[in-house]
Amino acid sequence: MREHRYRITMEHLATTSESQTQHAPLQFETGNHDDIFHIVDRLASKNQFDADTSASLAVGLKLFAEVMLKNRKHPLFEDIQLPLRDFIGKLKALPATGDASSQ
């Protein structure tokens, strides 16, 4: 399957308490059949959430959904395939709103 390729980097910026240590950055490569940057932009343009929330939702959902798609026959994903499809449909159907900064 042809796919977009991504390098994901996550840096631990802060802990919840001083006694915890920060983790080293996590970096991995993955593929996705969709242009995730386009999806982040599309969701952000709806102004349903602030920019960071829109990016987190879009990236997290697309990474999860791609793992599920590539492993669709795995029993772990049996119960979530249809609800996830419904959720994505609702997300795509969200209307554009005004300013998301009040969200």
PDB file of N, CA and C in Angstrom:
ATOM      1  N   MET A   1       0.848  -1.171   0.000  1.00  0.00           N
ATOM      2  CA  MET A   1       0.000   0.000   0.000  1.00  0.00           C
ATOM      3  C   MET A   1       0.898   1.239   0.000  1.00  0.00           C
ATOM      4  N   ARG A   2       0.605   2.180  -0.875  1.00  0.00           N
ATOM      5  CA  ARG A   2       1.321   3.454  -0.891  1.00  0.00           C
ATOM      6  C   ARG A   2       0.870   4.277   0.300  1.00  0.00           C
ATOM      7  N   GLU A   3       1.825   4.973   0.897  1.00  0.00           N
ATOM      8  CA  GLU A   3       1.482   5.718   2.091  1.00  0.00           C
ATOM      9  C   GLU A   3       2.394   6.927   2.272  1.00  0.00           C
ATOM     10  N   HIS A   4       1.905   7.862   3.048  1.00  0.00           N
ATOM     11  CA  HIS A   4       2.735   8.972   3.498  1.00  0.00           C
ATOM     12  C   HIS A   4       3.610   8.426   4.617  1.00  0.00           C
ATOM     13  N   ARG A   5       4.843   8.900   4.703  1.00  0.00           N
ATOM     14  CA  ARG A   5       5.751   8.457   5.763  1.00  0.00           C
ATOM     15  C   ARG A   5       5.999   9.616   6.723  1.00  0.00           C
ATOM     16  N   TYR A   6       6.049   9.305   8.007  1.00  0.00           N
ATOM     17  CA  TYR A   6       6.219  10.313   9.034  1.00  0.00           C
ATOM     18  C   TYR A   6       7.262   9.875  10.055  1.00  0.00           C
ATOM     19  N   ARG A   7       7.969  10.836  10.593  1.00  0.00           N
ATOM     20  CA  ARG A   7       8.815  10.615  11.768  1.00  0.00           C
ATOM     21  C   ARG A   7       8.138  11.370  12.903  1.00  0.00           C
ATOM     22  N   ILE A   8       7.763  10.651  13.923  1.00  0.00           N
ATOM     23  CA  ILE A   8       7.087  11.218  15.079  1.00  0.00           C
ATOM     24  C   ILE A   8       8.119  11.394  16.192  1.00  0.00           C
ATOM     25  N   THR A   9       8.159  12.582  16.766  1.00  0.00           N
ATOM     26  CA  THR A   9       9.054  12.858  17.887  1.00  0.00           C
ATOM     27  C   THR A   9       8.230  13.429  19.031  1.00  0.00           C
ATOM     28  N   MET A  10       8.412  12.857  20.210  1.00  0.00           N
ATOM     29  CA  MET A  10       7.714  13.344  21.387  1.00  0.00           C
ATOM     30  C   MET A  10       8.759  13.652  22.461  1.00  0.00           C
ATOM     31  N   GLU A  11       8.699  14.867  22.986  1.00  0.00           N
ATOM     32  CA  GLU A  11       9.614  15.275  24.036  1.00  0.00           C
ATOM     33  C   GLU A  11       8.846  15.490  25.336  1.00  0.00           C
ATOM     34  N   HIS A  12       9.395  15.002  26.408  1.00  0.00           N
ATOM     35  CA  HIS A  12       8.803  15.153  27.732  1.00  0.00           C
ATOM     36  C   HIS A  12       9.247  16.508  28.276  1.00  0.00           C
ATOM     37  N   LEU A  13       8.339  17.476  28.357  1.00  0.00           N
ATOM     38  CA  LEU A  13       8.688  18.842  28.732  1.00  0.00           C
ATOM     39  C   LEU A  13       8.587  19.115  30.223  1.00  0.00           C
ATOM     40  N   ALA A  14       7.708  18.412  30.918  1.00  0.00           N
ATOM     41  CA  ALA A  14       7.524  18.648  32.346  1.00  0.00           C
ATOM     42  C   ALA A  14       6.916  17.411  32.987  1.00  0.00           C
ATOM     43  N   THR A  15       7.131  17.270  34.276  1.00  0.00           N
ATOM     44  CA  THR A  15       6.524  16.186  35.039  1.00  0.00           C
ATOM     45  C   THR A  15       5.452  16.772  35.955  1.00  0.00           C
ATOM     46  N   THR A  16       4.674  15.900  36.560  1.00  0.00           N
ATOM     47  CA  THR A  16       3.620  16.376  37.461  1.00  0.00           C
ATOM     48  C   THR A  16       4.155  16.702  38.848  1.00  0.00           C
ATOM     49  N   SER A  17       5.364  16.212  39.165  1.00  0.00           N
ATOM     50  CA  SER A  17       5.979  16.543  40.455  1.00  0.00           C
ATOM     51  C   SER A  17       7.501  16.554  40.295  1.00  0.00           C
ATOM     52  N   GLU A  18       8.165  17.235  41.208  1.00  0.00           N
ATOM     53  CA  GLU A  18       9.626  17.355  41.141  1.00  0.00           C
ATOM     54  C   GLU A  18      10.341  16.024  41.356  1.00  0.00           C
ATOM     55  N   SER A  19       9.687  15.061  41.995  1.00  0.00           N
ATOM     56  CA  SER A  19      10.337  13.776  42.271  1.00  0.00           C
ATOM     57  C   SER A  19      10.392  12.864  41.044  1.00  0.00           C
ATOM     58  N   GLN A  20       9.658  13.221  40.004  1.00  0.00           N
ATOM     59  CA  GLN A  20       9.654  12.411  38.784  1.00  0.00           C
ATOM     60  C   GLN A  20      10.757  12.877  37.843  1.00  0.00           C
ATOM     61  N   THR A  21      11.258  11.949  37.071  1.00  0.00           N
ATOM     62  CA  THR A  21      12.282  12.308  36.086  1.00  0.00           C
ATOM     63  C   THR A  21      11.652  12.401  34.705  1.00  0.00           C
ATOM     64  N   GLN A  22      12.228  13.257  33.899  1.00  0.00           N
ATOM     65  CA  GLN A  22      11.754  13.377  32.532  1.00  0.00           C
ATOM     66  C   GLN A  22      12.325  12.249  31.692  1.00  0.00           C
ATOM     67  N   HIS A  23      11.535  11.808  30.732  1.00  0.00           N
ATOM     68  CA  HIS A  23      11.960  10.741  29.835  1.00  0.00           C
ATOM     69  C   HIS A  23      12.759  11.312  28.674  1.00  0.00           C
ATOM     70  N   ALA A  24      13.615  10.492  28.136  1.00  0.00           N
ATOM     71  CA  ALA A  24      14.335  10.871  26.919  1.00  0.00           C
ATOM     72  C   ALA A  24      13.321  10.974  25.780  1.00  0.00           C
ATOM     73  N   PRO A  25      13.614  11.765  24.771  1.00  0.00           N
ATOM     74  CA  PRO A  25      12.682  11.876  23.643  1.00  0.00           C
ATOM     75  C   PRO A  25      12.401  10.511  23.014  1.00  0.00           C
ATOM     76  N   LEU A  26      11.177  10.348  22.565  1.00  0.00           N
ATOM     77  CA  LEU A  26      10.738   9.141  21.862  1.00  0.00           C
ATOM     78  C   LEU A  26      10.600   9.520  20.394  1.00  0.00           C
ATOM     79  N   GLN A  27      11.183   8.707  19.532  1.00  0.00           N
ATOM     80  CA  GLN A  27      11.078   8.984  18.104  1.00  0.00           C
ATOM     81  C   GLN A  27      10.853   7.663  17.369  1.00  0.00           C
ATOM     82  N   PHE A  28       9.903   7.681  16.426  1.00  0.00           N
ATOM     83  CA  PHE A  28       9.660   6.502  15.613  1.00  0.00           C
ATOM     84  C   PHE A  28       9.142   6.930  14.253  1.00  0.00           C
ATOM     85  N   GLU A  29       9.221   6.026  13.296  1.00  0.00           N
ATOM     86  CA  GLU A  29       8.700   6.286  11.967  1.00  0.00           C
ATOM     87  C   GLU A  29       7.474   5.424  11.730  1.00  0.00           C
ATOM     88  N   THR A  30       6.546   5.970  10.988  1.00  0.00           N
ATOM     89  CA  THR A  30       5.309   5.260  10.697  1.00  0.00           C
ATOM     90  C   THR A  30       4.749   5.749   9.371  1.00  0.00           C
ATOM     91  N   GLY A  31       3.803   5.021   8.861  1.00  0.00           N
ATOM     92  CA  GLY A  31       3.137   5.417   7.630  1.00  0.00           C
ATOM     93  C   GLY A  31       1.654   5.595   7.854  1.00  0.00           C
ATOM     94  N   ASN A  32       1.024   6.310   6.922  1.00  0.00           N
ATOM     95  CA  ASN A  32      -0.416   6.501   6.988  1.00  0.00           C
ATOM     96  C   ASN A  32      -0.926   6.729   5.577  1.00  0.00           C
ATOM     97  N   HIS A  33      -2.091   6.185   5.285  1.00  0.00           N
ATOM     98  CA  HIS A  33      -2.648   6.348   3.939  1.00  0.00           C
ATOM     99  C   HIS A  33      -3.138   7.773   3.706  1.00  0.00           C
ATOM    100  N   ASP A  34      -3.336   8.550   4.778  1.00  0.00           N
ATOM    101  CA  ASP A  34      -3.787   9.934   4.662  1.00  0.00           C
ATOM    102  C   ASP A  34      -2.646  10.911   4.904  1.00  0.00           C
ATOM    103  N   ASP A  35      -2.819  12.126   4.393  1.00  0.00           N
ATOM    104  CA  ASP A  35      -1.910  13.229   4.677  1.00  0.00           C
ATOM    105  C   ASP A  35      -2.331  13.811   6.025  1.00  0.00           C
ATOM    106  N   ILE A  36      -1.636  13.442   7.073  1.00  0.00           N
ATOM    107  CA  ILE A  36      -2.024  13.841   8.427  1.00  0.00           C
ATOM    108  C   ILE A  36      -1.949  15.360   8.602  1.00  0.00           C
ATOM    109  N   PHE A  37      -0.997  16.003   7.968  1.00  0.00           N
ATOM    110  CA  PHE A  37      -0.904  17.467   8.065  1.00  0.00           C
ATOM    111  C   PHE A  37      -2.170  18.128   7.519  1.00  0.00           C
ATOM    112  N   HIS A  38      -2.681  17.596   6.427  1.00  0.00           N
ATOM    113  CA  HIS A  38      -3.917  18.128   5.844  1.00  0.00           C
ATOM    114  C   HIS A  38      -5.090  17.937   6.814  1.00  0.00           C
ATOM    115  N   ILE A  39      -5.136  16.798   7.464  1.00  0.00           N
ATOM    116  CA  ILE A  39      -6.221  16.512   8.411  1.00  0.00           C
ATOM    117  C   ILE A  39      -6.126  17.434   9.629  1.00  0.00           C
ATOM    118  N   VAL A  40      -4.918  17.668  10.127  1.00  0.00           N
ATOM    119  CA  VAL A  40      -4.736  18.604  11.248  1.00  0.00           C
ATOM    120  C   VAL A  40      -5.245  19.986  10.843  1.00  0.00           C
ATOM    121  N   ASP A  41      -4.865  20.434   9.651  1.00  0.00           N
ATOM    122  CA  ASP A  41      -5.314  21.747   9.172  1.00  0.00           C
ATOM    123  C   ASP A  41      -6.828  21.808   9.029  1.00  0.00           C
ATOM    124  N   ARG A  42      -7.413  20.745   8.482  1.00  0.00           N
ATOM    125  CA  ARG A  42      -8.865  20.717   8.291  1.00  0.00           C
ATOM    126  C   ARG A  42      -9.608  20.780   9.620  1.00  0.00           C
ATOM    127  N   LEU A  43      -9.142  20.008  10.596  1.00  0.00           N
ATOM    128  CA  LEU A  43      -9.792  20.021  11.901  1.00  0.00           C
ATOM    129  C   LEU A  43      -9.596  21.374  12.585  1.00  0.00           C
ATOM    130  N   ALA A  44      -8.403  21.917  12.506  1.00  0.00           N
ATOM    131  CA  ALA A  44      -8.142  23.221  13.123  1.00  0.00           C
ATOM    132  C   ALA A  44      -9.011  24.305  12.493  1.00  0.00           C
ATOM    133  N   SER A  45      -9.257  24.206  11.200  1.00  0.00           N
ATOM    134  CA  SER A  45     -10.050  25.231  10.508  1.00  0.00           C
ATOM    135  C   SER A  45     -11.508  25.240  10.954  1.00  0.00           C
ATOM    136  N   LYS A  46     -11.968  24.168  11.583  1.00  0.00           N
ATOM    137  CA  LYS A  46     -13.347  24.114  12.074  1.00  0.00           C
ATOM    138  C   LYS A  46     -13.517  24.901  13.377  1.00  0.00           C
ATOM    139  N   ASN A  47     -12.396  25.235  14.013  1.00  0.00           N
ATOM    140  CA  ASN A  47     -12.415  26.008  15.257  1.00  0.00           C
ATOM    141  C   ASN A  47     -13.263  25.369  16.356  1.00  0.00           C
ATOM    142  N   GLN A  48     -13.312  24.058  16.381  1.00  0.00           N
ATOM    143  CA  GLN A  48     -14.024  23.358  17.456  1.00  0.00           C
ATOM    144  C   GLN A  48     -13.168  23.292  18.725  1.00  0.00           C
ATOM    145  N   PHE A  49     -11.842  23.269  18.551  1.00  0.00           N
ATOM    146  CA  PHE A  49     -10.897  23.130  19.656  1.00  0.00           C
ATOM    147  C   PHE A  49      -9.743  24.101  19.420  1.00  0.00           C
ATOM    148  N   ASP A  50      -8.935  24.340  20.448  1.00  0.00           N
ATOM    149  CA  ASP A  50      -7.743  25.163  20.240  1.00  0.00           C
ATOM    150  C   ASP A  50      -6.759  24.386  19.356  1.00  0.00           C
ATOM    151  N   ALA A  51      -5.726  25.057  18.876  1.00  0.00           N
ATOM    152  CA  ALA A  51      -4.803  24.468  17.902  1.00  0.00           C
ATOM    153  C   ALA A  51      -4.111  23.211  18.428  1.00  0.00           C
ATOM    154  N   ASP A  52      -3.636  23.253  19.682  1.00  0.00           N
ATOM    155  CA  ASP A  52      -2.948  22.081  20.237  1.00  0.00           C
ATOM    156  C   ASP A  52      -3.889  20.894  20.389  1.00  0.00           C
ATOM    157  N   THR A  53      -5.116  21.154  20.819  1.00  0.00           N
ATOM    158  CA  THR A  53      -6.098  20.079  20.974  1.00  0.00           C
ATOM    159  C   THR A  53      -6.460  19.486  19.613  1.00  0.00           C
ATOM    160  N   SER A  54      -6.651  20.334  18.626  1.00  0.00           N
ATOM    161  CA  SER A  54      -6.957  19.843  17.276  1.00  0.00           C
ATOM    162  C   SER A  54      -5.834  18.964  16.747  1.00  0.00           C
ATOM    163  N   ALA A  55      -4.590  19.411  16.924  1.00  0.00           N
ATOM    164  CA  ALA A  55      -3.446  18.624  16.456  1.00  0.00           C
ATOM    165  C   ALA A  55      -3.347  17.303  17.211  1.00  0.00           C
ATOM    166  N   SER A  56      -3.526  17.345  18.538  1.00  0.00           N
ATOM    167  CA  SER A  56      -3.460  16.116  19.338  1.00  0.00           C
ATOM    168  C   SER A  56      -4.523  15.114  18.914  1.00  0.00           C
ATOM    169  N   LEU A  57      -5.743  15.599  18.742  1.00  0.00           N
ATOM    170  CA  LEU A  57      -6.842  14.722  18.344  1.00  0.00           C
ATOM    171  C   LEU A  57      -6.596  14.131  16.963  1.00  0.00           C
ATOM    172  N   ALA A  58      -6.244  14.960  16.009  1.00  0.00           N
ATOM    173  CA  ALA A  58      -6.050  14.479  14.639  1.00  0.00           C
ATOM    174  C   ALA A  58      -4.891  13.487  14.551  1.00  0.00           C
ATOM    175  N   VAL A  59      -3.759  13.827  15.125  1.00  0.00           N
ATOM    176  CA  VAL A  59      -2.583  12.945  15.042  1.00  0.00           C
ATOM    177  C   VAL A  59      -2.836  11.652  15.800  1.00  0.00           C
ATOM    178  N   GLY A  60      -3.327  11.749  17.028  1.00  0.00           N
ATOM    179  CA  GLY A  60      -3.585  10.543  17.817  1.00  0.00           C
ATOM    180  C   GLY A  60      -4.582   9.615  17.156  1.00  0.00           C
ATOM    181  N   LEU A  61      -5.660  10.201  16.658  1.00  0.00           N
ATOM    182  CA  LEU A  61      -6.693   9.401  16.006  1.00  0.00           C
ATOM    183  C   LEU A  61      -6.173   8.740  14.740  1.00  0.00           C
ATOM    184  N   LYS A  62      -5.426   9.489  13.917  1.00  0.00           N
ATOM    185  CA  LYS A  62      -4.917   8.919  12.671  1.00  0.00           C
ATOM    186  C   LYS A  62      -3.884   7.833  12.932  1.00  0.00           C
ATOM    187  N   LEU A  63      -3.026   8.012  13.941  1.00  0.00           N
ATOM    188  CA  LEU A  63      -2.053   6.968  14.255  1.00  0.00           C
ATOM    189  C   LEU A  63      -2.760   5.707  14.743  1.00  0.00           C
ATOM    190  N   PHE A  64      -3.723   5.881  15.640  1.00  0.00           N
ATOM    191  CA  PHE A  64      -4.471   4.735  16.154  1.00  0.00           C
ATOM    192  C   PHE A  64      -5.252   4.037  15.042  1.00  0.00           C
ATOM    193  N   ALA A  65      -5.970   4.818  14.244  1.00  0.00           N
ATOM    194  CA  ALA A  65      -6.808   4.235  13.195  1.00  0.00           C
ATOM    195  C   ALA A  65      -5.968   3.487  12.167  1.00  0.00           C
ATOM    196  N   GLU A  66      -4.779   3.969  11.880  1.00  0.00           N
ATOM    197  CA  GLU A  66      -3.921   3.279  10.902  1.00  0.00           C
ATOM    198  C   GLU A  66      -3.436   1.943  11.458  1.00  0.00           C
ATOM    199  N   VAL A  67      -3.094   1.896  12.741  1.00  0.00           N
ATOM    200  CA  VAL A  67      -2.701   0.625  13.365  1.00  0.00           C
ATOM    201  C   VAL A  67      -3.875  -0.354  13.284  1.00  0.00           C
ATOM    202  N   MET A  68      -5.067   0.133  13.587  1.00  0.00           N
ATOM    203  CA  MET A  68      -6.254  -0.723  13.529  1.00  0.00           C
ATOM    204  C   MET A  68      -6.502  -1.201  12.101  1.00  0.00           C
ATOM    205  N   LEU A  69      -6.363  -0.305  11.131  1.00  0.00           N
ATOM    206  CA  LEU A  69      -6.587  -0.658   9.731  1.00  0.00           C
ATOM    207  C   LEU A  69      -5.604  -1.730   9.270  1.00  0.00           C
ATOM    208  N   LYS A  70      -4.354  -1.582   9.649  1.00  0.00           N
ATOM    209  CA  LYS A  70      -3.327  -2.550   9.237  1.00  0.00           C
ATOM    210  C   LYS A  70      -3.454  -3.878   9.986  1.00  0.00           C
ATOM    211  N   ASN A  71      -4.197  -3.873  11.079  1.00  0.00           N
ATOM    212  CA  ASN A  71      -4.378  -5.091  11.884  1.00  0.00           C
ATOM    213  C   ASN A  71      -5.853  -5.390  12.079  1.00  0.00           C
ATOM    214  N   ARG A  72      -6.643  -5.122  11.045  1.00  0.00           N
ATOM    215  CA  ARG A  72      -8.116  -5.189  11.175  1.00  0.00           C
ATOM    216  C   ARG A  72      -8.629  -6.565  11.589  1.00  0.00           C
ATOM    217  N   LYS A  73      -7.878  -7.601  11.343  1.00  0.00           N
ATOM    218  CA  LYS A  73      -8.346  -8.944  11.716  1.00  0.00           C
ATOM    219  C   LYS A  73      -7.944  -9.338  13.135  1.00  0.00           C
ATOM    220  N   HIS A  74      -7.163  -8.496  13.793  1.00  0.00           N
ATOM    221  CA  HIS A  74      -6.746  -8.790  15.165  1.00  0.00           C
ATOM    222  C   HIS A  74      -7.975  -8.668  16.075  1.00  0.00           C
ATOM    223  N   PRO A  75      -8.203  -9.647  16.944  1.00  0.00           N
ATOM    224  CA  PRO A  75      -9.391  -9.627  17.800  1.00  0.00           C
ATOM    225  C   PRO A  75      -9.469  -8.413  18.726  1.00  0.00           C
ATOM    226  N   LEU A  76      -8.341  -7.794  19.031  1.00  0.00           N
ATOM    227  CA  LEU A  76      -8.342  -6.623  19.902  1.00  0.00           C
ATOM    228  C   LEU A  76      -9.208  -5.496  19.337  1.00  0.00           C
ATOM    229  N   PHE A  77      -9.300  -5.396  18.022  1.00  0.00           N
ATOM    230  CA  PHE A  77      -9.989  -4.278  17.387  1.00  0.00           C
ATOM    231  C   PHE A  77     -11.430  -4.586  16.980  1.00  0.00           C
ATOM    232  N   GLU A  78     -11.900  -5.798  17.231  1.00  0.00           N
ATOM    233  CA  GLU A  78     -13.254  -6.198  16.806  1.00  0.00           C
ATOM    234  C   GLU A  78     -14.340  -5.247  17.294  1.00  0.00           C
ATOM    235  N   ASP A  79     -14.315  -4.939  18.575  1.00  0.00           N
ATOM    236  CA  ASP A  79     -15.409  -4.167  19.177  1.00  0.00           C
ATOM    237  C   ASP A  79     -15.348  -2.671  18.895  1.00  0.00           C
ATOM    238  N   ILE A  80     -14.224  -2.185  18.416  1.00  0.00           N
ATOM    239  CA  ILE A  80     -14.083  -0.739  18.257  1.00  0.00           C
ATOM    240  C   ILE A  80     -14.161  -0.281  16.795  1.00  0.00           C
ATOM    241  N   GLN A  81     -14.120  -1.182  15.850  1.00  0.00           N
ATOM    242  CA  GLN A  81     -14.097  -0.775  14.448  1.00  0.00           C
ATOM    243  C   GLN A  81     -15.317   0.051  14.049  1.00  0.00           C
ATOM    244  N   LEU A  82     -16.494  -0.426  14.315  1.00  0.00           N
ATOM    245  CA  LEU A  82     -17.698   0.323  13.940  1.00  0.00           C
ATOM    246  C   LEU A  82     -17.870   1.600  14.753  1.00  0.00           C
ATOM    247  N   PRO A  83     -17.708   1.566  16.081  1.00  0.00           N
ATOM    248  CA  PRO A  83     -17.809   2.827  16.833  1.00  0.00           C
ATOM    249  C   PRO A  83     -16.767   3.861  16.397  1.00  0.00           C
ATOM    250  N   LEU A  84     -15.565   3.414  16.062  1.00  0.00           N
ATOM    251  CA  LEU A  84     -14.547   4.359  15.610  1.00  0.00           C
ATOM    252  C   LEU A  84     -14.929   4.960  14.262  1.00  0.00           C
ATOM    253  N   ARG A  85     -15.455   4.158  13.382  1.00  0.00           N
ATOM    254  CA  ARG A  85     -15.919   4.665  12.085  1.00  0.00           C
ATOM    255  C   ARG A  85     -17.018   5.715  12.288  1.00  0.00           C
ATOM    256  N   ASP A  86     -17.953   5.444  13.210  1.00  0.00           N
ATOM    257  CA  ASP A  86     -19.010   6.416  13.520  1.00  0.00           C
ATOM    258  C   ASP A  86     -18.425   7.703  14.098  1.00  0.00           C
ATOM    259  N   PHE A  87     -17.471   7.568  15.003  1.00  0.00           N
ATOM    260  CA  PHE A  87     -16.836   8.734  15.617  1.00  0.00           C
ATOM    261  C   PHE A  87     -16.133   9.591  14.568  1.00  0.00           C
ATOM    262  N   ILE A  88     -15.390   8.961  13.686  1.00  0.00           N
ATOM    263  CA  ILE A  88     -14.692   9.700  12.636  1.00  0.00           C
ATOM    264  C   ILE A  88     -15.689  10.404  11.726  1.00  0.00           C
ATOM    265  N   GLY A  89     -16.806   9.752  11.439  1.00  0.00           N
ATOM    266  CA  GLY A  89     -17.850  10.381  10.639  1.00  0.00           C
ATOM    267  C   GLY A  89     -18.408  11.625  11.316  1.00  0.00           C
ATOM    268  N   LYS A  90     -18.644  11.538  12.629  1.00  0.00           N
ATOM    269  CA  LYS A  90     -19.127  12.702  13.384  1.00  0.00           C
ATOM    270  C   LYS A  90     -18.086  13.817  13.404  1.00  0.00           C
ATOM    271  N   LEU A  91     -16.833  13.436  13.552  1.00  0.00           N
ATOM    272  CA  LEU A  91     -15.757  14.419  13.570  1.00  0.00           C
ATOM    273  C   LEU A  91     -15.671  15.160  12.234  1.00  0.00           C
ATOM    274  N   LYS A  92     -15.760  14.419  11.148  1.00  0.00           N
ATOM    275  CA  LYS A  92     -15.713  15.035   9.820  1.00  0.00           C
ATOM    276  C   LYS A  92     -16.906  15.952   9.588  1.00  0.00           C
ATOM    277  N   ALA A  93     -18.040  15.630  10.179  1.00  0.00           N
ATOM    278  CA  ALA A  93     -19.267  16.404   9.960  1.00  0.00           C
ATOM    279  C   ALA A  93     -19.380  17.638  10.859  1.00  0.00           C
ATOM    280  N   LEU A  94     -18.460  17.811  11.802  1.00  0.00           N
ATOM    281  CA  LEU A  94     -18.533  18.982  12.672  1.00  0.00           C
ATOM    282  C   LEU A  94     -18.523  20.256  11.837  1.00  0.00           C
ATOM    283  N   PRO A  95     -19.388  21.192  12.177  1.00  0.00           N
ATOM    284  CA  PRO A  95     -19.382  22.457  11.439  1.00  0.00           C
ATOM    285  C   PRO A  95     -18.250  23.357  11.925  1.00  0.00           C
ATOM    286  N   ALA A  96     -17.892  24.305  11.107  1.00  0.00           N
ATOM    287  CA  ALA A  96     -16.947  25.331  11.538  1.00  0.00           C
ATOM    288  C   ALA A  96     -17.678  26.253  12.508  1.00  0.00           C
ATOM    289  N   THR A  97     -16.980  26.642  13.553  1.00  0.00           N
ATOM    290  CA  THR A  97     -17.562  27.554  14.537  1.00  0.00           C
ATOM    291  C   THR A  97     -16.733  28.824  14.570  1.00  0.00           C
ATOM    292  N   GLY A  98     -17.075  29.705  15.482  1.00  0.00           N
ATOM    293  CA  GLY A  98     -16.316  30.941  15.670  1.00  0.00           C
ATOM    294  C   GLY A  98     -14.981  30.648  16.301  1.00  0.00           C
ATOM    295  N   ASP A  99     -14.539  31.543  17.151  1.00  0.00           N
ATOM    296  CA  ASP A  99     -13.245  31.468  17.811  1.00  0.00           C
ATOM    297  C   ASP A  99     -13.180  30.278  18.764  1.00  0.00           C
ATOM    298  N   ALA A 100     -12.139  29.423  18.613  1.00  0.00           N
ATOM    299  CA  ALA A 100     -11.980  28.244  19.464  1.00  0.00           C
ATOM    300  C   ALA A 100     -11.273  28.571  20.775  1.00  0.00           C
ATOM    301  N   SER A 101     -10.796  29.789  20.956  1.00  0.00           N
ATOM    302  CA  SER A 101     -10.045  30.107  22.176  1.00  0.00           C
ATOM    303  C   SER A 101     -10.900  30.050  23.431  1.00  0.00           C
ATOM    304  N   SER A 102     -12.205  30.110  23.266  1.00  0.00           N
ATOM    305  CA  SER A 102     -13.102  30.023  24.429  1.00  0.00           C
ATOM    306  C   SER A 102     -13.450  28.579  24.781  1.00  0.00           C
ATOM    307  N   GLN A 103     -12.966  27.634  24.017  1.00  0.00           N
ATOM    308  CA  GLN A 103     -13.284  26.230  24.235  1.00  0.00           C
ATOM    309  C   GLN A 103     -12.546  25.679  25.431  1.00  0.00           C
TER     310      GLN A 103
END
